[in-house]
Amino acid sequence: MIKRLLPFRGSSKNFETLMQSFERFRGRELDEFRNYLDKPWRVVWINFLAGTARGLGFWLGAAAVITISGFVLKKYLTHLPIAGEFFQAVQRWIEISIRHIPRP
């Protein structure tokens, strides 16, 4: 990047101001990024925490969707004339499956 700045050397004051701005930017942003890369276990830990949060969010979201759809299935869809028989069979299958889950 400095080579691209060399043609602006005509005005040394402007060049110095530009270089100071560049050094301030480089000092803050690049040092933070360098510190991030210098500590590989920190990167692993941050990625582990992010993956755990995503997995937990997926698990809780899936549980909520399954619970809500089970509630809707049990309360509303079993009383439909044609499709109700199918949903009643699904409801019976779910209830039988729940009874066979081993309890600790």
C-alpha atoms as a PDB file:
ATOM      1  CA  MET A   1       0.000   0.000   0.000  1.00  0.00           C
ATOM      2  CA  ILE A   2       2.880   2.365   0.701  1.00  0.00           C
ATOM      3  CA  LYS A   3       4.105   1.995  -2.893  1.00  0.00           C
ATOM      4  CA  ARG A   4       0.728   3.253  -4.080  1.00  0.00           C
ATOM      5  CA  LEU A   5       1.132   6.290  -1.829  1.00  0.00           C
ATOM      6  CA  LEU A   6       4.560   7.269  -3.142  1.00  0.00           C
ATOM      7  CA  PRO A   7       3.257   9.381  -6.075  1.00  0.00           C
ATOM      8  CA  PHE A   8       1.649  11.718  -3.519  1.00  0.00           C
ATOM      9  CA  ARG A   9       5.029  12.758  -2.134  1.00  0.00           C
ATOM     10  CA  GLY A  10       4.831  16.121  -3.891  1.00  0.00           C
ATOM     11  CA  SER A  11       3.256  17.729  -0.849  1.00  0.00           C
ATOM     12  CA  SER A  12       5.095  16.392   2.155  1.00  0.00           C
ATOM     13  CA  LYS A  13       2.495  17.764   4.592  1.00  0.00           C
ATOM     14  CA  ASN A  14      -0.328  15.865   2.867  1.00  0.00           C
ATOM     15  CA  PHE A  15       1.818  12.778   2.630  1.00  0.00           C
ATOM     16  CA  GLU A  16       2.722  12.930   6.319  1.00  0.00           C
ATOM     17  CA  THR A  17      -0.937  13.391   7.289  1.00  0.00           C
ATOM     18  CA  LEU A  18      -1.893  10.463   5.114  1.00  0.00           C
ATOM     19  CA  MET A  19       0.860   8.288   6.593  1.00  0.00           C
ATOM     20  CA  GLN A  20      -0.165   9.232  10.146  1.00  0.00           C
ATOM     21  CA  SER A  21      -3.754   8.259   9.380  1.00  0.00           C
ATOM     22  CA  PHE A  22      -2.539   5.011   7.902  1.00  0.00           C
ATOM     23  CA  GLU A  23      -0.386   4.299  10.966  1.00  0.00           C
ATOM     24  CA  ARG A  24      -3.324   5.016  13.310  1.00  0.00           C
ATOM     25  CA  PHE A  25      -5.511   2.646  11.319  1.00  0.00           C
ATOM     26  CA  ARG A  26      -2.822   0.031  11.163  1.00  0.00           C
ATOM     27  CA  GLY A  27      -2.109   0.462  14.838  1.00  0.00           C
ATOM     28  CA  ARG A  28      -5.670  -0.192  15.945  1.00  0.00           C
ATOM     29  CA  GLU A  29      -7.255  -2.531  13.468  1.00  0.00           C
ATOM     30  CA  LEU A  30      -4.330  -4.648  12.388  1.00  0.00           C
ATOM     31  CA  ASP A  31      -2.964  -5.087  15.898  1.00  0.00           C
ATOM     32  CA  GLU A  32      -6.317  -6.386  17.046  1.00  0.00           C
ATOM     33  CA  PHE A  33      -6.441  -8.792  14.100  1.00  0.00           C
ATOM     34  CA  ARG A  34      -2.834  -9.860  14.706  1.00  0.00           C
ATOM     35  CA  ASN A  35      -3.579 -10.531  18.381  1.00  0.00           C
ATOM     36  CA  TYR A  36      -6.564 -12.596  17.286  1.00  0.00           C
ATOM     37  CA  LEU A  37      -4.366 -14.722  15.011  1.00  0.00           C
ATOM     38  CA  ASP A  38      -1.447 -14.907  17.458  1.00  0.00           C
ATOM     39  CA  LYS A  39      -3.602 -16.823  19.933  1.00  0.00           C
ATOM     40  CA  PRO A  40      -4.860 -19.884  18.037  1.00  0.00           C
ATOM     41  CA  TRP A  41      -6.506 -21.424  21.106  1.00  0.00           C
ATOM     42  CA  ARG A  42      -8.581 -18.274  21.498  1.00  0.00           C
ATOM     43  CA  VAL A  43      -9.794 -18.704  17.914  1.00  0.00           C
ATOM     44  CA  VAL A  44     -10.651 -22.341  18.621  1.00  0.00           C
ATOM     45  CA  TRP A  45     -12.465 -21.374  21.846  1.00  0.00           C
ATOM     46  CA  ILE A  46     -14.473 -18.601  20.156  1.00  0.00           C
ATOM     47  CA  ASN A  47     -15.461 -20.916  17.291  1.00  0.00           C
ATOM     48  CA  PHE A  48     -16.398 -23.651  19.778  1.00  0.00           C
ATOM     49  CA  LEU A  49     -18.637 -21.259  21.713  1.00  0.00           C
ATOM     50  CA  ALA A  50     -20.243 -19.989  18.510  1.00  0.00           C
ATOM     51  CA  GLY A  51     -20.921 -23.535  17.295  1.00  0.00           C
ATOM     52  CA  THR A  52     -22.355 -24.520  20.674  1.00  0.00           C
ATOM     53  CA  ALA A  53     -24.668 -21.511  20.641  1.00  0.00           C
ATOM     54  CA  ARG A  54     -25.839 -22.327  17.116  1.00  0.00           C
ATOM     55  CA  GLY A  55     -26.427 -25.975  18.012  1.00  0.00           C
ATOM     56  CA  LEU A  56     -28.316 -25.083  21.179  1.00  0.00           C
ATOM     57  CA  GLY A  57     -30.428 -22.570  19.288  1.00  0.00           C
ATOM     58  CA  PHE A  58     -31.229 -25.146  16.624  1.00  0.00           C
ATOM     59  CA  TRP A  59     -32.162 -27.717  19.269  1.00  0.00           C
ATOM     60  CA  LEU A  60     -34.428 -25.327  21.184  1.00  0.00           C
ATOM     61  CA  GLY A  61     -36.033 -24.068  17.981  1.00  0.00           C
ATOM     62  CA  ALA A  62     -36.704 -27.579  16.719  1.00  0.00           C
ATOM     63  CA  ALA A  63     -38.196 -28.555  20.085  1.00  0.00           C
ATOM     64  CA  ALA A  64     -40.499 -25.525  19.998  1.00  0.00           C
ATOM     65  CA  VAL A  65     -41.643 -26.246  16.430  1.00  0.00           C
ATOM     66  CA  ILE A  66     -42.296 -29.915  17.194  1.00  0.00           C
ATOM     67  CA  THR A  67     -44.197 -29.030  20.368  1.00  0.00           C
ATOM     68  CA  ILE A  68     -46.365 -26.441  18.654  1.00  0.00           C
ATOM     69  CA  SER A  69     -47.081 -28.704  15.691  1.00  0.00           C
ATOM     70  CA  GLY A  70     -47.960 -31.563  18.075  1.00  0.00           C
ATOM     71  CA  PHE A  71     -50.361 -29.292  19.918  1.00  0.00           C
ATOM     72  CA  VAL A  72     -51.996 -28.178  16.662  1.00  0.00           C
ATOM     73  CA  LEU A  73     -52.139 -31.774  15.466  1.00  0.00           C
ATOM     74  CA  LYS A  74     -53.823 -32.977  18.642  1.00  0.00           C
ATOM     75  CA  LYS A  75     -56.274 -30.110  19.096  1.00  0.00           C
ATOM     76  CA  TYR A  76     -57.357 -29.120  15.619  1.00  0.00           C
ATOM     77  CA  LEU A  77     -56.403 -31.528  12.871  1.00  0.00           C
ATOM     78  CA  THR A  78     -57.836 -34.720  14.372  1.00  0.00           C
ATOM     79  CA  HIS A  79     -61.391 -33.434  13.875  1.00  0.00           C
ATOM     80  CA  LEU A  80     -61.157 -32.984  10.113  1.00  0.00           C
ATOM     81  CA  PRO A  81     -63.455 -35.329   8.183  1.00  0.00           C
ATOM     82  CA  ILE A  82     -61.044 -36.994   5.730  1.00  0.00           C
ATOM     83  CA  ALA A  83     -57.555 -36.149   6.977  1.00  0.00           C
ATOM     84  CA  GLY A  84     -58.588 -36.572  10.614  1.00  0.00           C
ATOM     85  CA  GLU A  85     -58.167 -40.345  10.482  1.00  0.00           C
ATOM     86  CA  PHE A  86     -54.602 -39.959   9.275  1.00  0.00           C
ATOM     87  CA  PHE A  87     -53.780 -37.419  11.983  1.00  0.00           C
ATOM     88  CA  GLN A  88     -55.401 -39.615  14.646  1.00  0.00           C
ATOM     89  CA  ALA A  89     -53.162 -42.484  13.518  1.00  0.00           C
ATOM     90  CA  VAL A  90     -50.117 -40.216  13.714  1.00  0.00           C
ATOM     91  CA  GLN A  91     -51.198 -39.067  17.173  1.00  0.00           C
ATOM     92  CA  ARG A  92     -51.586 -42.675  18.375  1.00  0.00           C
ATOM     93  CA  TRP A  93     -48.162 -43.538  16.934  1.00  0.00           C
ATOM     94  CA  ILE A  94     -46.574 -40.590  18.770  1.00  0.00           C
ATOM     95  CA  GLU A  95     -48.268 -41.537  22.061  1.00  0.00           C
ATOM     96  CA  ILE A  96     -47.130 -45.169  21.749  1.00  0.00           C
ATOM     97  CA  SER A  97     -43.591 -44.029  20.883  1.00  0.00           C
ATOM     98  CA  ILE A  98     -43.502 -41.745  23.911  1.00  0.00           C
ATOM     99  CA  ARG A  99     -44.591 -44.599  26.223  1.00  0.00           C
ATOM    100  CA  HIS A 100     -41.674 -46.751  25.049  1.00  0.00           C
ATOM    101  CA  ILE A 101     -38.990 -44.146  25.744  1.00  0.00           C
ATOM    102  CA  PRO A 102     -36.802 -45.448  28.605  1.00  0.00           C
ATOM    103  CA  ARG A 103     -37.009 -43.223  31.675  1.00  0.00           C
ATOM    104  CA  PRO A 104     -33.925 -42.739  33.868  1.00  0.00           C
END
